Amino acid sequence: MALLRALMPLPAGEELQVRWDENDAKRDILTVIRRRKYTLVSDSEDDGRKLLVVSK
């Protein structure tokens, strides 16, 4: 869950690229994004690469 801790102090105006491997990790990450009122910029799972881009 170190990834979720990295999402916590995201400064306003900055973007963070998040990658994950575990199946349930995306659900957990999206929950943190909603609770912290962050913006989901991009959600991509092309070619097996799982990538979310988040901003505040």
PDB file of N, CA and C in Angstrom:
ATOM      1  N   MET A   1       0.801  -1.189   0.000  1.00  0.00           N
ATOM      2  CA  MET A   1       0.000   0.000   0.000  1.00  0.00           C
ATOM      3  C   MET A   1       0.853   1.266   0.000  1.00  0.00           C
ATOM      4  N   ALA A   2       2.131   1.134  -0.231  1.00  0.00           N
ATOM      5  CA  ALA A   2       2.989   2.316  -0.329  1.00  0.00           C
ATOM      6  C   ALA A   2       2.538   3.208  -1.470  1.00  0.00           C
ATOM      7  N   LEU A   3       1.976   2.606  -2.490  1.00  0.00           N
ATOM      8  CA  LEU A   3       1.471   3.370  -3.625  1.00  0.00           C
ATOM      9  C   LEU A   3       0.371   4.320  -3.184  1.00  0.00           C
ATOM     10  N   LEU A   4      -0.526   3.871  -2.338  1.00  0.00           N
ATOM     11  CA  LEU A   4      -1.606   4.731  -1.862  1.00  0.00           C
ATOM     12  C   LEU A   4      -1.068   5.865  -1.011  1.00  0.00           C
ATOM     13  N   ARG A   5      -0.033   5.616  -0.238  1.00  0.00           N
ATOM     14  CA  ARG A   5       0.583   6.682   0.550  1.00  0.00           C
ATOM     15  C   ARG A   5       1.223   7.719  -0.353  1.00  0.00           C
ATOM     16  N   ALA A   6       1.735   7.299  -1.499  1.00  0.00           N
ATOM     17  CA  ALA A   6       2.340   8.238  -2.447  1.00  0.00           C
ATOM     18  C   ALA A   6       1.290   9.160  -3.049  1.00  0.00           C
ATOM     19  N   LEU A   7       0.056   8.709  -3.139  1.00  0.00           N
ATOM     20  CA  LEU A   7      -1.017   9.543  -3.684  1.00  0.00           C
ATOM     21  C   LEU A   7      -1.454  10.640  -2.718  1.00  0.00           C
ATOM     22  N   MET A   8      -1.263  10.437  -1.447  1.00  0.00           N
ATOM     23  CA  MET A   8      -1.790  11.359  -0.445  1.00  0.00           C
ATOM     24  C   MET A   8      -1.286  12.798  -0.587  1.00  0.00           C
ATOM     25  N   PRO A   9       0.012  13.054  -0.662  1.00  0.00           N
ATOM     26  CA  PRO A   9       0.484  14.443  -0.650  1.00  0.00           C
ATOM     27  C   PRO A   9       0.632  15.070  -2.039  1.00  0.00           C
ATOM     28  N   LEU A  10      -0.183  14.698  -2.998  1.00  0.00           N
ATOM     29  CA  LEU A  10      -0.057  15.212  -4.361  1.00  0.00           C
ATOM     30  C   LEU A  10      -0.347  16.712  -4.376  1.00  0.00           C
ATOM     31  N   PRO A  11       0.649  17.550  -4.730  1.00  0.00           N
ATOM     32  CA  PRO A  11       0.441  19.002  -4.772  1.00  0.00           C
ATOM     33  C   PRO A  11      -0.527  19.399  -5.889  1.00  0.00           C
ATOM     34  N   ALA A  12      -1.235  20.490  -5.683  1.00  0.00           N
ATOM     35  CA  ALA A  12      -2.183  20.992  -6.681  1.00  0.00           C
ATOM     36  C   ALA A  12      -1.449  21.320  -7.975  1.00  0.00           C
ATOM     37  N   GLY A  13      -2.049  20.978  -9.087  1.00  0.00           N
ATOM     38  CA  GLY A  13      -1.473  21.280 -10.395  1.00  0.00           C
ATOM     39  C   GLY A  13      -0.478  20.257 -10.906  1.00  0.00           C
ATOM     40  N   GLU A  14      -0.154  19.252 -10.116  1.00  0.00           N
ATOM     41  CA  GLU A  14       0.795  18.232 -10.553  1.00  0.00           C
ATOM     42  C   GLU A  14       0.063  16.962 -10.952  1.00  0.00           C
ATOM     43  N   GLU A  15       0.697  16.173 -11.818  1.00  0.00           N
ATOM     44  CA  GLU A  15       0.141  14.895 -12.245  1.00  0.00           C
ATOM     45  C   GLU A  15       1.014  13.763 -11.730  1.00  0.00           C
ATOM     46  N   LEU A  16       0.385  12.639 -11.497  1.00  0.00           N
ATOM     47  CA  LEU A  16       1.083  11.449 -11.025  1.00  0.00           C
ATOM     48  C   LEU A  16       0.669  10.280 -11.901  1.00  0.00           C
ATOM     49  N   GLN A  17       1.643   9.530 -12.406  1.00  0.00           N
ATOM     50  CA  GLN A  17       1.359   8.328 -13.189  1.00  0.00           C
ATOM     51  C   GLN A  17       1.455   7.125 -12.259  1.00  0.00           C
ATOM     52  N   VAL A  18       0.410   6.320 -12.256  1.00  0.00           N
ATOM     53  CA  VAL A  18       0.328   5.180 -11.352  1.00  0.00           C
ATOM     54  C   VAL A  18       0.214   3.901 -12.174  1.00  0.00           C
ATOM     55  N   ARG A  19       1.080   2.931 -11.895  1.00  0.00           N
ATOM     56  CA  ARG A  19       1.015   1.614 -12.540  1.00  0.00           C
ATOM     57  C   ARG A  19       0.762   0.574 -11.454  1.00  0.00           C
ATOM     58  N   TRP A  20       0.094  -0.516 -11.820  1.00  0.00           N
ATOM     59  CA  TRP A  20      -0.203  -1.570 -10.859  1.00  0.00           C
ATOM     60  C   TRP A  20      -0.160  -2.928 -11.532  1.00  0.00           C
ATOM     61  N   ASP A  21       0.004  -3.964 -10.727  1.00  0.00           N
ATOM     62  CA  ASP A  21       0.053  -5.336 -11.231  1.00  0.00           C
ATOM     63  C   ASP A  21      -1.092  -6.189 -10.684  1.00  0.00           C
ATOM     64  N   GLU A  22      -1.467  -5.969  -9.442  1.00  0.00           N
ATOM     65  CA  GLU A  22      -2.485  -6.800  -8.802  1.00  0.00           C
ATOM     66  C   GLU A  22      -3.882  -6.433  -9.297  1.00  0.00           C
ATOM     67  N   ASN A  23      -4.759  -7.413  -9.363  1.00  0.00           N
ATOM     68  CA  ASN A  23      -6.106  -7.202  -9.887  1.00  0.00           C
ATOM     69  C   ASN A  23      -6.924  -6.211  -9.070  1.00  0.00           C
ATOM     70  N   ASP A  24      -6.852  -6.286  -7.750  1.00  0.00           N
ATOM     71  CA  ASP A  24      -7.665  -5.416  -6.903  1.00  0.00           C
ATOM     72  C   ASP A  24      -7.040  -4.047  -6.671  1.00  0.00           C
ATOM     73  N   ALA A  25      -5.832  -3.843  -7.093  1.00  0.00           N
ATOM     74  CA  ALA A  25      -5.140  -2.583  -6.830  1.00  0.00           C
ATOM     75  C   ALA A  25      -5.834  -1.405  -7.505  1.00  0.00           C
ATOM     76  N   LYS A  26      -6.336  -1.587  -8.699  1.00  0.00           N
ATOM     77  CA  LYS A  26      -6.998  -0.476  -9.401  1.00  0.00           C
ATOM     78  C   LYS A  26      -8.203   0.010  -8.606  1.00  0.00           C
ATOM     79  N   ARG A  27      -8.983  -0.910  -8.093  1.00  0.00           N
ATOM     80  CA  ARG A  27     -10.150  -0.533  -7.285  1.00  0.00           C
ATOM     81  C   ARG A  27      -9.726   0.292  -6.071  1.00  0.00           C
ATOM     82  N   ASP A  28      -8.674  -0.132  -5.382  1.00  0.00           N
ATOM     83  CA  ASP A  28      -8.191   0.584  -4.206  1.00  0.00           C
ATOM     84  C   ASP A  28      -7.681   1.970  -4.569  1.00  0.00           C
ATOM     85  N   ILE A  29      -6.965   2.072  -5.679  1.00  0.00           N
ATOM     86  CA  ILE A  29      -6.431   3.361  -6.128  1.00  0.00           C
ATOM     87  C   ILE A  29      -7.573   4.311  -6.484  1.00  0.00           C
ATOM     88  N   LEU A  30      -8.583   3.822  -7.201  1.00  0.00           N
ATOM     89  CA  LEU A  30      -9.720   4.665  -7.573  1.00  0.00           C
ATOM     90  C   LEU A  30     -10.495   5.136  -6.346  1.00  0.00           C
ATOM     91  N   THR A  31     -10.553   4.321  -5.309  1.00  0.00           N
ATOM     92  CA  THR A  31     -11.204   4.725  -4.062  1.00  0.00           C
ATOM     93  C   THR A  31     -10.477   5.902  -3.433  1.00  0.00           C
ATOM     94  N   VAL A  32      -9.154   5.846  -3.384  1.00  0.00           N
ATOM     95  CA  VAL A  32      -8.366   6.950  -2.832  1.00  0.00           C
ATOM     96  C   VAL A  32      -8.557   8.204  -3.674  1.00  0.00           C
ATOM     97  N   ILE A  33      -8.582   8.055  -4.993  1.00  0.00           N
ATOM     98  CA  ILE A  33      -8.765   9.202  -5.887  1.00  0.00           C
ATOM     99  C   ILE A  33     -10.098   9.886  -5.591  1.00  0.00           C
ATOM    100  N   ARG A  34     -11.159   9.115  -5.432  1.00  0.00           N
ATOM    101  CA  ARG A  34     -12.478   9.694  -5.144  1.00  0.00           C
ATOM    102  C   ARG A  34     -12.508  10.360  -3.779  1.00  0.00           C
ATOM    103  N   ARG A  35     -11.944   9.721  -2.776  1.00  0.00           N
ATOM    104  CA  ARG A  35     -11.961  10.283  -1.415  1.00  0.00           C
ATOM    105  C   ARG A  35     -11.176  11.585  -1.327  1.00  0.00           C
ATOM    106  N   ARG A  36     -10.065  11.654  -2.038  1.00  0.00           N
ATOM    107  CA  ARG A  36      -9.210  12.845  -1.992  1.00  0.00           C
ATOM    108  C   ARG A  36      -9.629  13.913  -3.000  1.00  0.00           C
ATOM    109  N   LYS A  37     -10.682  13.632  -3.747  1.00  0.00           N
ATOM    110  CA  LYS A  37     -11.198  14.556  -4.764  1.00  0.00           C
ATOM    111  C   LYS A  37     -10.139  14.905  -5.803  1.00  0.00           C
ATOM    112  N   TYR A  38      -9.354  13.905  -6.190  1.00  0.00           N
ATOM    113  CA  TYR A  38      -8.398  14.060  -7.273  1.00  0.00           C
ATOM    114  C   TYR A  38      -9.129  13.857  -8.592  1.00  0.00           C
ATOM    115  N   THR A  39      -8.491  14.212  -9.682  1.00  0.00           N
ATOM    116  CA  THR A  39      -9.066  14.067 -11.008  1.00  0.00           C
ATOM    117  C   THR A  39      -8.353  12.945 -11.746  1.00  0.00           C
ATOM    118  N   LEU A  40      -9.123  12.044 -12.313  1.00  0.00           N
ATOM    119  CA  LEU A  40      -8.564  10.973 -13.130  1.00  0.00           C
ATOM    120  C   LEU A  40      -8.401  11.516 -14.540  1.00  0.00           C
ATOM    121  N   VAL A  41      -7.160  11.724 -14.965  1.00  0.00           N
ATOM    122  CA  VAL A  41      -6.860  12.306 -16.270  1.00  0.00           C
ATOM    123  C   VAL A  41      -6.921  11.245 -17.356  1.00  0.00           C
ATOM    124  N   SER A  42      -6.371  10.064 -17.075  1.00  0.00           N
ATOM    125  CA  SER A  42      -6.300   9.009 -18.081  1.00  0.00           C
ATOM    126  C   SER A  42      -6.338   7.641 -17.412  1.00  0.00           C
ATOM    127  N   ASP A  43      -7.019   6.710 -18.065  1.00  0.00           N
ATOM    128  CA  ASP A  43      -7.106   5.331 -17.591  1.00  0.00           C
ATOM    129  C   ASP A  43      -6.837   4.435 -18.790  1.00  0.00           C
ATOM    130  N   SER A  44      -5.688   3.764 -18.790  1.00  0.00           N
ATOM    131  CA  SER A  44      -5.291   2.982 -19.955  1.00  0.00           C
ATOM    132  C   SER A  44      -4.809   1.598 -19.536  1.00  0.00           C
ATOM    133  N   GLU A  45      -5.264   0.586 -20.262  1.00  0.00           N
ATOM    134  CA  GLU A  45      -4.784  -0.780 -20.050  1.00  0.00           C
ATOM    135  C   GLU A  45      -4.368  -1.380 -21.384  1.00  0.00           C
ATOM    136  N   ASP A  46      -3.803  -0.577 -22.256  1.00  0.00           N
ATOM    137  CA  ASP A  46      -3.380  -1.025 -23.582  1.00  0.00           C
ATOM    138  C   ASP A  46      -2.151  -1.918 -23.496  1.00  0.00           C
ATOM    139  N   ASP A  47      -2.120  -2.953 -24.307  1.00  0.00           N
ATOM    140  CA  ASP A  47      -0.967  -3.850 -24.433  1.00  0.00           C
ATOM    141  C   ASP A  47      -0.492  -4.404 -23.097  1.00  0.00           C
ATOM    142  N   GLY A  48      -1.408  -4.602 -22.154  1.00  0.00           N
ATOM    143  CA  GLY A  48      -1.034  -5.149 -20.858  1.00  0.00           C
ATOM    144  C   GLY A  48      -0.425  -4.139 -19.912  1.00  0.00           C
ATOM    145  N   ARG A  49      -0.229  -2.905 -20.376  1.00  0.00           N
ATOM    146  CA  ARG A  49       0.303  -1.851 -19.504  1.00  0.00           C
ATOM    147  C   ARG A  49      -0.867  -1.201 -18.783  1.00  0.00           C
ATOM    148  N   LYS A  50      -0.856  -1.237 -17.499  1.00  0.00           N
ATOM    149  CA  LYS A  50      -1.932  -0.661 -16.699  1.00  0.00           C
ATOM    150  C   LYS A  50      -1.440   0.677 -16.156  1.00  0.00           C
ATOM    151  N   LEU A  51      -2.073   1.768 -16.590  1.00  0.00           N
ATOM    152  CA  LEU A  51      -1.597   3.102 -16.238  1.00  0.00           C
ATOM    153  C   LEU A  51      -2.767   4.026 -15.960  1.00  0.00           C
ATOM    154  N   LEU A  52      -2.710   4.713 -14.823  1.00  0.00           N
ATOM    155  CA  LEU A  52      -3.646   5.777 -14.487  1.00  0.00           C
ATOM    156  C   LEU A  52      -2.846   7.064 -14.369  1.00  0.00           C
ATOM    157  N   VAL A  53      -3.393   8.162 -14.848  1.00  0.00           N
ATOM    158  CA  VAL A  53      -2.783   9.469 -14.652  1.00  0.00           C
ATOM    159  C   VAL A  53      -3.755  10.270 -13.801  1.00  0.00           C
ATOM    160  N   VAL A  54      -3.266  10.791 -12.674  1.00  0.00           N
ATOM    161  CA  VAL A  54      -4.088  11.468 -11.683  1.00  0.00           C
ATOM    162  C   VAL A  54      -3.556  12.877 -11.475  1.00  0.00           C
ATOM    163  N   SER A  55      -4.463  13.845 -11.267  1.00  0.00           N
ATOM    164  CA  SER A  55      -4.038  15.204 -10.929  1.00  0.00           C
ATOM    165  C   SER A  55      -4.914  15.728  -9.807  1.00  0.00           C
ATOM    166  N   LYS A  56      -4.468  16.848  -9.222  1.00  0.00           N
ATOM    167  CA  LYS A  56      -5.253  17.454  -8.150  1.00  0.00           C
ATOM    168  C   LYS A  56      -5.676  18.820  -8.573  1.00  0.00           C
TER     169      LYS A  56
END
